[in-house]
Amino acid sequence: MNREIHIACSTDDNYAPLCGVMVCSLLDNNQGKPMHVHVLANHLSVNNRQRLARQCVAYGALYTFHEVDESRLEGCQYRTTVHPLSSAAYYRILLASILHDVSRVIYLDCDMMVLGDLQVVYDMDLKGHGVAAVQDYDTPVDMEHYRQLGLSEGDKYFNSGFMVIDLDFWRQHNTERKLLEFAKLERKVYFHDQDALNCVFRGNWRRLSPEWNYFNVAQIRVPHLFESKEEARRFFRSPKVVHFPGRYFKPWLDTSCIPYRSQWLHYLLISEWKDMPLRRNERQWYTVIKTYYVGLKRLYYKLIYTL
């Protein structure tokens, strides 16, 4: 019998519908598996709690809401100019103490859609590492970013949107304390929790195949993203988790050409948020032009990496 799969995500009332659709996609594509969804939140409304609970119950999954003590995040640094985020951006660095009786967890961002069997990565051998993740395609941003993280040019940097985490490792190595120390450093903030995680785990994380964190619109700017042609084929043909990181490329916008939008809308319509109206895209033409440009680049990548 498969062991219980623990899933964690962070949300607030603004992101609750997106969290609900992500959970719906996850449970719909992992039916029959013992799932336990942990929702990290602070003052989440009763209505959103009830909807998330119904979403889990509909698939026979367990669920737990964890109220996050935000006083522990006092002093954490935030981006103030480009796309500022709420404190929920840092909730994941507290996972080891919040899920104190859980040994392993898969963490997912709300702006994701799960299409694959999570048992595969949940049971994988982390080979003594505290986290497994997919290398980011487009970061670090510049040399200052590298220096801030203690990385050398060419060192690999992972995206924290999808992670398999060994929480016992985090507890044994005081990882949470180290993450908080970095998060509270006075610095130019490029990425919030993601930079803290890459600093603490630099050179000491397990690589996941890129199909587990497929950006719907992003250029591949790093060399050697794929270890084999077969891995590249899986990435392009059948990603297991789709990520929607770009502000103007979210599937809940009213722009039909956004990649993987139709699949996301399917899960929206079978979720507890089927009544959620789509949001107006303030930069329609930018989205359309970049979507087609990146689509052509993806075709080029597919040719050079898979043939």
C-alpha atoms as a PDB file:
ATOM      1  CA  MET A   1       0.000   0.000   0.000  1.00  0.00           C
ATOM      2  CA  ASN A   2       1.298   3.474  -0.885  1.00  0.00           C
ATOM      3  CA  ARG A   3       2.257   5.696   2.031  1.00  0.00           C
ATOM      4  CA  GLU A   4       0.427   8.942   2.637  1.00  0.00           C
ATOM      5  CA  ILE A   5       1.603  11.769   0.391  1.00  0.00           C
ATOM      6  CA  HIS A   6       1.881  15.092   2.217  1.00  0.00           C
ATOM      7  CA  ILE A   7       1.317  18.199   0.104  1.00  0.00           C
ATOM      8  CA  ALA A   8       1.850  21.787   1.271  1.00  0.00           C
ATOM      9  CA  CYS A   9       0.889  25.138  -0.223  1.00  0.00           C
ATOM     10  CA  SER A  10       0.669  28.735   1.006  1.00  0.00           C
ATOM     11  CA  THR A  11      -2.173  31.127   0.329  1.00  0.00           C
ATOM     12  CA  ASP A  12      -4.185  34.123   1.425  1.00  0.00           C
ATOM     13  CA  ASP A  13      -7.681  35.195   0.405  1.00  0.00           C
ATOM     14  CA  ASN A  14      -6.409  36.800  -2.802  1.00  0.00           C
ATOM     15  CA  TYR A  15      -4.805  33.576  -3.993  1.00  0.00           C
ATOM     16  CA  ALA A  16      -7.306  31.106  -2.507  1.00  0.00           C
ATOM     17  CA  PRO A  17      -9.156  30.468  -5.807  1.00  0.00           C
ATOM     18  CA  LEU A  18      -5.838  29.765  -7.552  1.00  0.00           C
ATOM     19  CA  CYS A  19      -4.781  27.504  -4.715  1.00  0.00           C
ATOM     20  CA  GLY A  20      -8.108  25.683  -5.046  1.00  0.00           C
ATOM     21  CA  VAL A  21      -7.651  25.058  -8.773  1.00  0.00           C
ATOM     22  CA  MET A  22      -4.090  23.814  -8.206  1.00  0.00           C
ATOM     23  CA  VAL A  23      -5.347  21.413  -5.505  1.00  0.00           C
ATOM     24  CA  CYS A  24      -8.149  20.273  -7.825  1.00  0.00           C
ATOM     25  CA  SER A  25      -5.678  19.441 -10.621  1.00  0.00           C
ATOM     26  CA  LEU A  26      -3.410  17.669  -8.144  1.00  0.00           C
ATOM     27  CA  LEU A  27      -6.149  15.490  -6.676  1.00  0.00           C
ATOM     28  CA  ASP A  28      -7.814  14.790 -10.026  1.00  0.00           C
ATOM     29  CA  ASN A  29      -4.562  13.418 -11.448  1.00  0.00           C
ATOM     30  CA  ASN A  30      -3.655  11.423  -8.329  1.00  0.00           C
ATOM     31  CA  GLN A  31      -6.949   9.703  -7.590  1.00  0.00           C
ATOM     32  CA  GLY A  32      -6.795   6.624  -5.399  1.00  0.00           C
ATOM     33  CA  LYS A  33      -3.637   7.768  -3.628  1.00  0.00           C
ATOM     34  CA  PRO A  34      -3.687   8.710   0.073  1.00  0.00           C
ATOM     35  CA  MET A  35      -3.206  12.467  -0.031  1.00  0.00           C
ATOM     36  CA  HIS A  36      -2.973  14.928   2.854  1.00  0.00           C
ATOM     37  CA  VAL A  37      -3.119  18.594   1.845  1.00  0.00           C
ATOM     38  CA  HIS A  38      -1.618  21.135   4.265  1.00  0.00           C
ATOM     39  CA  VAL A  39      -2.697  24.727   3.666  1.00  0.00           C
ATOM     40  CA  LEU A  40      -0.465  27.395   5.225  1.00  0.00           C
ATOM     41  CA  ALA A  41      -2.423  30.602   5.699  1.00  0.00           C
ATOM     42  CA  ASN A  42      -3.121  33.529   7.999  1.00  0.00           C
ATOM     43  CA  HIS A  43      -6.673  34.703   8.654  1.00  0.00           C
ATOM     44  CA  LEU A  44      -8.074  32.848   5.649  1.00  0.00           C
ATOM     45  CA  SER A  45     -11.806  33.547   5.341  1.00  0.00           C
ATOM     46  CA  VAL A  46     -14.355  30.958   6.446  1.00  0.00           C
ATOM     47  CA  ASN A  47     -15.740  30.819   2.897  1.00  0.00           C
ATOM     48  CA  ASN A  48     -12.346  29.982   1.375  1.00  0.00           C
ATOM     49  CA  ARG A  49     -11.609  27.422   4.092  1.00  0.00           C
ATOM     50  CA  GLN A  50     -14.922  25.714   3.423  1.00  0.00           C
ATOM     51  CA  ARG A  51     -14.340  25.624  -0.317  1.00  0.00           C
ATOM     52  CA  LEU A  52     -10.832  24.190   0.043  1.00  0.00           C
ATOM     53  CA  ALA A  53     -12.142  21.614   2.501  1.00  0.00           C
ATOM     54  CA  ARG A  54     -14.930  20.555   0.114  1.00  0.00           C
ATOM     55  CA  GLN A  55     -12.402  20.292  -2.707  1.00  0.00           C
ATOM     56  CA  CYS A  56     -10.316  17.833  -0.691  1.00  0.00           C
ATOM     57  CA  VAL A  57     -13.285  15.844   0.618  1.00  0.00           C
ATOM     58  CA  ALA A  58     -14.631  15.415  -2.930  1.00  0.00           C
ATOM     59  CA  TYR A  59     -11.517  13.382  -3.765  1.00  0.00           C
ATOM     60  CA  GLY A  60     -11.238  11.598  -0.433  1.00  0.00           C
ATOM     61  CA  ALA A  61      -8.147  13.548   0.618  1.00  0.00           C
ATOM     62  CA  LEU A  62      -7.278  14.659   4.132  1.00  0.00           C
ATOM     63  CA  TYR A  63      -6.685  18.349   4.757  1.00  0.00           C
ATOM     64  CA  THR A  64      -5.283  20.533   7.541  1.00  0.00           C
ATOM     65  CA  PHE A  65      -5.231  24.307   7.820  1.00  0.00           C
ATOM     66  CA  HIS A  66      -2.169  25.730   9.561  1.00  0.00           C
ATOM     67  CA  GLU A  67      -2.382  29.263  10.930  1.00  0.00           C
ATOM     68  CA  VAL A  68       1.042  30.820  10.404  1.00  0.00           C
ATOM     69  CA  ASP A  69       2.541  32.909  13.194  1.00  0.00           C
ATOM     70  CA  GLU A  70       3.708  35.858  11.118  1.00  0.00           C
ATOM     71  CA  SER A  71       5.641  37.335  14.034  1.00  0.00           C
ATOM     72  CA  ARG A  72       8.341  34.788  13.182  1.00  0.00           C
ATOM     73  CA  LEU A  73       8.766  36.557   9.841  1.00  0.00           C
ATOM     74  CA  GLU A  74       9.277  40.016  11.302  1.00  0.00           C
ATOM     75  CA  GLY A  75      12.365  41.554   9.744  1.00  0.00           C
ATOM     76  CA  CYS A  76      12.171  39.526   6.526  1.00  0.00           C
ATOM     77  CA  GLN A  77      13.036  41.598   3.483  1.00  0.00           C
ATOM     78  CA  TYR A  78      10.605  42.168   0.612  1.00  0.00           C
ATOM     79  CA  ARG A  79      10.780  43.494  -2.906  1.00  0.00           C
ATOM     80  CA  THR A  80       9.291  46.983  -2.937  1.00  0.00           C
ATOM     81  CA  THR A  81       9.380  47.945  -6.615  1.00  0.00           C
ATOM     82  CA  VAL A  82       8.618  45.059  -9.008  1.00  0.00           C
ATOM     83  CA  HIS A  83       5.587  42.899  -8.178  1.00  0.00           C
ATOM     84  CA  PRO A  84       5.710  43.155  -4.358  1.00  0.00           C
ATOM     85  CA  LEU A  85       4.497  40.053  -2.517  1.00  0.00           C
ATOM     86  CA  SER A  86       2.794  39.392   0.820  1.00  0.00           C
ATOM     87  CA  SER A  87       4.362  37.580   3.771  1.00  0.00           C
ATOM     88  CA  ALA A  88       2.875  34.342   2.394  1.00  0.00           C
ATOM     89  CA  ALA A  89       5.903  34.292   0.081  1.00  0.00           C
ATOM     90  CA  TYR A  90       8.014  33.224   3.084  1.00  0.00           C
ATOM     91  CA  TYR A  91       5.654  30.687   4.681  1.00  0.00           C
ATOM     92  CA  ARG A  92       7.423  27.720   3.096  1.00  0.00           C
ATOM     93  CA  ILE A  93      10.664  28.377   4.968  1.00  0.00           C
ATOM     94  CA  LEU A  94       8.760  27.563   8.202  1.00  0.00           C
ATOM     95  CA  LEU A  95       7.590  24.128   7.029  1.00  0.00           C
ATOM     96  CA  ALA A  96       9.827  22.102   9.347  1.00  0.00           C
ATOM     97  CA  SER A  97       8.260  23.579  12.485  1.00  0.00           C
ATOM     98  CA  ILE A  98       4.712  23.959  11.153  1.00  0.00           C
ATOM     99  CA  LEU A  99       4.545  20.322   9.975  1.00  0.00           C
ATOM    100  CA  HIS A 100       6.389  19.105  13.060  1.00  0.00           C
ATOM    101  CA  ASP A 101       5.241  15.470  12.768  1.00  0.00           C
ATOM    102  CA  VAL A 102       5.764  15.108   8.990  1.00  0.00           C
ATOM    103  CA  SER A 103       9.008  13.699   7.568  1.00  0.00           C
ATOM    104  CA  ARG A 104       8.620  14.553   3.892  1.00  0.00           C
ATOM    105  CA  VAL A 105       6.419  16.957   1.938  1.00  0.00           C
ATOM    106  CA  ILE A 106       5.901  18.182  -1.613  1.00  0.00           C
ATOM    107  CA  TYR A 107       5.520  21.950  -1.731  1.00  0.00           C
ATOM    108  CA  LEU A 108       3.715  23.655  -4.630  1.00  0.00           C
ATOM    109  CA  ASP A 109       3.031  27.275  -5.532  1.00  0.00           C
ATOM    110  CA  CYS A 110      -0.596  28.255  -6.118  1.00  0.00           C
ATOM    111  CA  ASP A 111       0.067  29.296  -9.722  1.00  0.00           C
ATOM    112  CA  MET A 112       0.685  25.715 -10.804  1.00  0.00           C
ATOM    113  CA  MET A 113      -1.268  22.899 -12.403  1.00  0.00           C
ATOM    114  CA  VAL A 114      -0.443  19.261 -11.670  1.00  0.00           C
ATOM    115  CA  LEU A 115      -0.768  16.805 -14.555  1.00  0.00           C
ATOM    116  CA  GLY A 116       1.353  13.886 -13.346  1.00  0.00           C
ATOM    117  CA  ASP A 117       1.659  11.164 -10.713  1.00  0.00           C
ATOM    118  CA  LEU A 118       3.274  12.706  -7.629  1.00  0.00           C
ATOM    119  CA  GLN A 119       4.024   9.325  -6.049  1.00  0.00           C
ATOM    120  CA  VAL A 120       7.041   9.057  -8.356  1.00  0.00           C
ATOM    121  CA  VAL A 121       8.835  12.055  -6.870  1.00  0.00           C
ATOM    122  CA  TYR A 122       7.468  11.665  -3.351  1.00  0.00           C
ATOM    123  CA  ASP A 123       9.143   8.256  -3.038  1.00  0.00           C
ATOM    124  CA  MET A 124      12.397   9.202  -4.767  1.00  0.00           C
ATOM    125  CA  ASP A 125      15.747   8.838  -3.027  1.00  0.00           C
ATOM    126  CA  LEU A 126      16.949  12.345  -2.167  1.00  0.00           C
ATOM    127  CA  LYS A 127      20.464  10.939  -1.690  1.00  0.00           C
ATOM    128  CA  GLY A 128      21.111  12.801   1.546  1.00  0.00           C
ATOM    129  CA  HIS A 129      19.889  16.184   0.313  1.00  0.00           C
ATOM    130  CA  GLY A 130      17.336  18.346   2.117  1.00  0.00           C
ATOM    131  CA  VAL A 131      15.477  19.392  -1.009  1.00  0.00           C
ATOM    132  CA  ALA A 132      14.896  18.317  -4.610  1.00  0.00           C
ATOM    133  CA  ALA A 133      13.830  20.843  -7.240  1.00  0.00           C
ATOM    134  CA  VAL A 134      14.089  21.856 -10.892  1.00  0.00           C
ATOM    135  CA  GLN A 135      16.858  24.153 -12.074  1.00  0.00           C
ATOM    136  CA  ASP A 136      15.493  27.606 -12.909  1.00  0.00           C
ATOM    137  CA  TYR A 137      15.758  28.439 -16.606  1.00  0.00           C
ATOM    138  CA  ASP A 138      16.535  32.119 -16.252  1.00  0.00           C
ATOM    139  CA  THR A 139      18.260  32.951 -12.963  1.00  0.00           C
ATOM    140  CA  PRO A 140      20.382  34.186 -11.207  1.00  0.00           C
ATOM    141  CA  VAL A 141      19.706  37.589 -12.728  1.00  0.00           C
ATOM    142  CA  ASP A 142      23.179  39.180 -12.671  1.00  0.00           C
ATOM    143  CA  MET A 143      26.577  38.959 -10.980  1.00  0.00           C
ATOM    144  CA  GLU A 144      25.380  40.869  -7.915  1.00  0.00           C
ATOM    145  CA  HIS A 145      22.709  38.212  -7.495  1.00  0.00           C
ATOM    146  CA  TYR A 146      25.353  35.460  -7.741  1.00  0.00           C
ATOM    147  CA  ARG A 147      27.544  37.160  -5.124  1.00  0.00           C
ATOM    148  CA  GLN A 148      24.644  37.708  -2.754  1.00  0.00           C
ATOM    149  CA  LEU A 149      23.918  33.965  -2.741  1.00  0.00           C
ATOM    150  CA  GLY A 150      27.546  32.884  -2.499  1.00  0.00           C
ATOM    151  CA  LEU A 151      27.363  31.318  -5.964  1.00  0.00           C
ATOM    152  CA  SER A 152      29.987  31.320  -8.674  1.00  0.00           C
ATOM    153  CA  GLU A 153      29.044  32.065 -12.258  1.00  0.00           C
ATOM    154  CA  GLY A 154      27.761  28.835 -13.758  1.00  0.00           C
ATOM    155  CA  ASP A 155      26.504  27.407 -10.452  1.00  0.00           C
ATOM    156  CA  LYS A 156      22.984  26.020 -10.672  1.00  0.00           C
ATOM    157  CA  TYR A 157      20.023  27.756  -9.053  1.00  0.00           C
ATOM    158  CA  PHE A 158      16.650  26.088  -8.487  1.00  0.00           C
ATOM    159  CA  ASN A 159      13.066  27.315  -8.625  1.00  0.00           C
ATOM    160  CA  SER A 160      11.205  26.952  -5.319  1.00  0.00           C
ATOM    161  CA  GLY A 161       7.723  26.625  -6.844  1.00  0.00           C
ATOM    162  CA  PHE A 162       7.858  22.821  -6.761  1.00  0.00           C
ATOM    163  CA  MET A 163      10.017  21.079  -4.177  1.00  0.00           C
ATOM    164  CA  VAL A 164      10.309  17.690  -2.541  1.00  0.00           C
ATOM    165  CA  ILE A 165      11.497  18.440   0.995  1.00  0.00           C
ATOM    166  CA  ASP A 166      13.078  16.188   3.618  1.00  0.00           C
ATOM    167  CA  LEU A 167      11.772  17.882   6.760  1.00  0.00           C
ATOM    168  CA  ASP A 168      13.793  15.589   9.041  1.00  0.00           C
ATOM    169  CA  PHE A 169      16.933  16.859   7.307  1.00  0.00           C
ATOM    170  CA  TRP A 170      15.790  20.448   7.870  1.00  0.00           C
ATOM    171  CA  ARG A 171      15.308  19.803  11.588  1.00  0.00           C
ATOM    172  CA  GLN A 172      18.623  17.983  11.995  1.00  0.00           C
ATOM    173  CA  HIS A 173      20.576  20.751  10.233  1.00  0.00           C
ATOM    174  CA  ASN A 174      18.797  23.832  11.693  1.00  0.00           C
ATOM    175  CA  THR A 175      17.741  24.751   8.166  1.00  0.00           C
ATOM    176  CA  GLU A 176      14.819  26.915   9.258  1.00  0.00           C
ATOM    177  CA  ARG A 177      17.068  29.125  11.386  1.00  0.00           C
ATOM    178  CA  LYS A 178      19.509  29.540   8.488  1.00  0.00           C
ATOM    179  CA  LEU A 179      16.696  30.394   6.068  1.00  0.00           C
ATOM    180  CA  LEU A 180      15.293  33.031   8.414  1.00  0.00           C
ATOM    181  CA  GLU A 181      18.753  34.537   8.939  1.00  0.00           C
ATOM    182  CA  PHE A 182      19.176  35.027   5.201  1.00  0.00           C
ATOM    183  CA  ALA A 183      15.596  36.280   4.722  1.00  0.00           C
ATOM    184  CA  LYS A 184      16.212  39.044   7.298  1.00  0.00           C
ATOM    185  CA  LEU A 185      19.500  40.263   5.810  1.00  0.00           C
ATOM    186  CA  GLU A 186      19.495  43.816   4.504  1.00  0.00           C
ATOM    187  CA  ARG A 187      19.911  43.247   0.773  1.00  0.00           C
ATOM    188  CA  LYS A 188      18.599  43.956  -2.683  1.00  0.00           C
ATOM    189  CA  VAL A 189      15.730  41.469  -2.891  1.00  0.00           C
ATOM    190  CA  TYR A 190      15.624  39.583  -6.173  1.00  0.00           C
ATOM    191  CA  PHE A 191      13.478  36.646  -5.063  1.00  0.00           C
ATOM    192  CA  HIS A 192      12.170  36.076  -1.553  1.00  0.00           C
ATOM    193  CA  ASP A 193      12.176  32.540  -0.134  1.00  0.00           C
ATOM    194  CA  GLN A 194      13.779  31.243  -3.332  1.00  0.00           C
ATOM    195  CA  ASP A 195      16.994  33.165  -2.738  1.00  0.00           C
ATOM    196  CA  ALA A 196      17.094  32.066   0.893  1.00  0.00           C
ATOM    197  CA  LEU A 197      16.708  28.435  -0.152  1.00  0.00           C
ATOM    198  CA  ASN A 198      19.373  28.683  -2.853  1.00  0.00           C
ATOM    199  CA  CYS A 199      21.814  30.322  -0.462  1.00  0.00           C
ATOM    200  CA  VAL A 200      21.329  27.734   2.286  1.00  0.00           C
ATOM    201  CA  PHE A 201      21.295  24.746  -0.098  1.00  0.00           C
ATOM    202  CA  ARG A 202      23.894  25.993  -2.584  1.00  0.00           C
ATOM    203  CA  GLY A 203      25.590  22.977  -4.140  1.00  0.00           C
ATOM    204  CA  ASN A 204      23.576  20.638  -1.928  1.00  0.00           C
ATOM    205  CA  TRP A 205      20.220  19.957  -3.590  1.00  0.00           C
ATOM    206  CA  ARG A 206      18.887  17.082  -5.648  1.00  0.00           C
ATOM    207  CA  ARG A 207      18.042  17.835  -9.242  1.00  0.00           C
ATOM    208  CA  LEU A 208      14.571  16.999 -10.574  1.00  0.00           C
ATOM    209  CA  SER A 209      13.873  16.506 -14.264  1.00  0.00           C
ATOM    210  CA  PRO A 210      12.565  19.804 -15.754  1.00  0.00           C
ATOM    211  CA  GLU A 211       9.188  18.239 -16.591  1.00  0.00           C
ATOM    212  CA  TRP A 212       8.292  18.716 -12.888  1.00  0.00           C
ATOM    213  CA  ASN A 213       8.299  22.514 -13.205  1.00  0.00           C
ATOM    214  CA  TYR A 214       7.431  23.527 -16.764  1.00  0.00           C
ATOM    215  CA  PHE A 215       7.120  27.311 -17.182  1.00  0.00           C
ATOM    216  CA  ASN A 216       4.310  28.032 -19.615  1.00  0.00           C
ATOM    217  CA  VAL A 217       6.110  31.096 -21.027  1.00  0.00           C
ATOM    218  CA  ALA A 218       9.849  31.323 -20.427  1.00  0.00           C
ATOM    219  CA  GLN A 219      13.000  31.205 -22.472  1.00  0.00           C
ATOM    220  CA  ILE A 220      15.630  28.605 -21.658  1.00  0.00           C
ATOM    221  CA  ARG A 221      18.688  30.710 -20.920  1.00  0.00           C
ATOM    222  CA  VAL A 222      20.810  28.196 -18.994  1.00  0.00           C
ATOM    223  CA  PRO A 223      23.050  25.588 -20.654  1.00  0.00           C
ATOM    224  CA  HIS A 224      22.704  21.883 -19.955  1.00  0.00           C
ATOM    225  CA  LEU A 225      19.118  22.032 -18.636  1.00  0.00           C
ATOM    226  CA  PHE A 226      18.484  18.517 -19.932  1.00  0.00           C
ATOM    227  CA  GLU A 227      20.567  15.434 -19.159  1.00  0.00           C
ATOM    228  CA  SER A 228      19.313  13.479 -22.172  1.00  0.00           C
ATOM    229  CA  LYS A 229      17.200  13.776 -25.311  1.00  0.00           C
ATOM    230  CA  GLU A 230      14.549  11.596 -23.700  1.00  0.00           C
ATOM    231  CA  GLU A 231      14.317  13.981 -20.748  1.00  0.00           C
ATOM    232  CA  ALA A 232      13.915  16.898 -23.174  1.00  0.00           C
ATOM    233  CA  ARG A 233      11.191  15.043 -25.061  1.00  0.00           C
ATOM    234  CA  ARG A 234       9.222  14.465 -21.862  1.00  0.00           C
ATOM    235  CA  PHE A 235       9.589  18.137 -20.968  1.00  0.00           C
ATOM    236  CA  PHE A 236       8.208  19.377 -24.275  1.00  0.00           C
ATOM    237  CA  ARG A 237       5.559  16.698 -24.831  1.00  0.00           C
ATOM    238  CA  SER A 238       4.152  15.826 -21.422  1.00  0.00           C
ATOM    239  CA  PRO A 239       5.127  18.073 -18.498  1.00  0.00           C
ATOM    240  CA  LYS A 240       4.063  16.756 -15.100  1.00  0.00           C
ATOM    241  CA  VAL A 241       3.628  20.176 -13.451  1.00  0.00           C
ATOM    242  CA  VAL A 242       2.921  23.406 -15.333  1.00  0.00           C
ATOM    243  CA  HIS A 243       3.956  26.686 -13.712  1.00  0.00           C
ATOM    244  CA  PHE A 244       2.436  30.081 -14.616  1.00  0.00           C
ATOM    245  CA  PRO A 245       5.032  32.534 -13.215  1.00  0.00           C
ATOM    246  CA  GLY A 246       4.729  35.524 -15.546  1.00  0.00           C
ATOM    247  CA  ARG A 247       2.429  38.348 -14.425  1.00  0.00           C
ATOM    248  CA  TYR A 248       0.794  38.715 -17.847  1.00  0.00           C
ATOM    249  CA  PHE A 249       0.738  35.006 -18.694  1.00  0.00           C
ATOM    250  CA  LYS A 250      -1.562  33.722 -15.979  1.00  0.00           C
ATOM    251  CA  PRO A 251      -4.335  31.376 -17.173  1.00  0.00           C
ATOM    252  CA  TRP A 252      -7.017  33.286 -15.267  1.00  0.00           C
ATOM    253  CA  LEU A 253      -6.555  36.311 -17.551  1.00  0.00           C
ATOM    254  CA  ASP A 254      -8.887  36.968 -20.472  1.00  0.00           C
ATOM    255  CA  THR A 255      -6.234  36.206 -23.133  1.00  0.00           C
ATOM    256  CA  SER A 256      -6.943  32.980 -24.982  1.00  0.00           C
ATOM    257  CA  CYS A 257      -3.450  32.368 -26.443  1.00  0.00           C
ATOM    258  CA  ILE A 258      -1.767  31.864 -23.048  1.00  0.00           C
ATOM    259  CA  PRO A 259      -0.156  28.394 -23.122  1.00  0.00           C
ATOM    260  CA  TYR A 260      -1.949  25.731 -21.043  1.00  0.00           C
ATOM    261  CA  ARG A 261      -4.792  28.134 -20.294  1.00  0.00           C
ATOM    262  CA  SER A 262      -7.472  25.769 -21.678  1.00  0.00           C
ATOM    263  CA  GLN A 263      -6.268  22.925 -19.441  1.00  0.00           C
ATOM    264  CA  TRP A 264      -6.266  25.213 -16.403  1.00  0.00           C
ATOM    265  CA  LEU A 265      -9.787  26.394 -17.222  1.00  0.00           C
ATOM    266  CA  HIS A 266     -10.910  22.758 -17.241  1.00  0.00           C
ATOM    267  CA  TYR A 267      -9.823  22.396 -13.615  1.00  0.00           C
ATOM    268  CA  LEU A 268     -11.338  25.750 -12.725  1.00  0.00           C
ATOM    269  CA  LEU A 269     -14.722  24.545 -14.017  1.00  0.00           C
ATOM    270  CA  ILE A 270     -14.649  21.316 -11.986  1.00  0.00           C
ATOM    271  CA  SER A 271     -13.342  23.058  -8.860  1.00  0.00           C
ATOM    272  CA  GLU A 272     -15.151  24.807  -6.018  1.00  0.00           C
ATOM    273  CA  TRP A 273     -14.320  28.127  -7.725  1.00  0.00           C
ATOM    274  CA  LYS A 274     -16.131  27.494 -10.997  1.00  0.00           C
ATOM    275  CA  ASP A 275     -17.915  30.827 -10.481  1.00  0.00           C
ATOM    276  CA  MET A 276     -14.657  32.829 -10.463  1.00  0.00           C
ATOM    277  CA  PRO A 277     -14.687  35.495 -13.209  1.00  0.00           C
ATOM    278  CA  LEU A 278     -11.617  35.823 -15.409  1.00  0.00           C
ATOM    279  CA  ARG A 279      -9.444  38.862 -14.803  1.00  0.00           C
ATOM    280  CA  ARG A 280      -8.768  41.575 -17.351  1.00  0.00           C
ATOM    281  CA  ASN A 281      -5.316  41.531 -18.881  1.00  0.00           C
ATOM    282  CA  GLU A 282      -4.002  45.117 -18.880  1.00  0.00           C
ATOM    283  CA  ARG A 283      -1.323  44.296 -21.462  1.00  0.00           C
ATOM    284  CA  GLN A 284      -3.084  42.108 -24.005  1.00  0.00           C
ATOM    285  CA  TRP A 285      -0.806  42.874 -26.946  1.00  0.00           C
ATOM    286  CA  TYR A 286       2.351  42.340 -24.896  1.00  0.00           C
ATOM    287  CA  THR A 287       1.031  38.929 -23.855  1.00  0.00           C
ATOM    288  CA  VAL A 288       0.083  37.964 -27.411  1.00  0.00           C
ATOM    289  CA  ILE A 289       3.360  39.066 -28.988  1.00  0.00           C
ATOM    290  CA  LYS A 290       5.600  37.494 -26.337  1.00  0.00           C
ATOM    291  CA  THR A 291       3.556  34.279 -26.289  1.00  0.00           C
ATOM    292  CA  TYR A 292       4.110  33.767 -30.014  1.00  0.00           C
ATOM    293  CA  TYR A 293       7.744  34.849 -29.823  1.00  0.00           C
ATOM    294  CA  VAL A 294       8.483  32.422 -26.995  1.00  0.00           C
ATOM    295  CA  GLY A 295       6.469  29.765 -28.822  1.00  0.00           C
ATOM    296  CA  LEU A 296       8.847  30.048 -31.784  1.00  0.00           C
ATOM    297  CA  LYS A 297      11.830  29.917 -29.420  1.00  0.00           C
ATOM    298  CA  ARG A 298      10.359  26.798 -27.767  1.00  0.00           C
ATOM    299  CA  LEU A 299      10.074  25.165 -31.192  1.00  0.00           C
ATOM    300  CA  TYR A 300      13.742  25.977 -31.768  1.00  0.00           C
ATOM    301  CA  TYR A 301      14.701  24.532 -28.368  1.00  0.00           C
ATOM    302  CA  LYS A 302      12.653  21.423 -29.075  1.00  0.00           C
ATOM    303  CA  LEU A 303      14.480  20.868 -32.351  1.00  0.00           C
ATOM    304  CA  ILE A 304      17.994  21.341 -30.977  1.00  0.00           C
ATOM    305  CA  TYR A 305      17.420  19.387 -27.738  1.00  0.00           C
ATOM    306  CA  THR A 306      15.375  16.422 -28.996  1.00  0.00           C
ATOM    307  CA  LEU A 307      16.668  15.606 -32.499  1.00  0.00           C
END
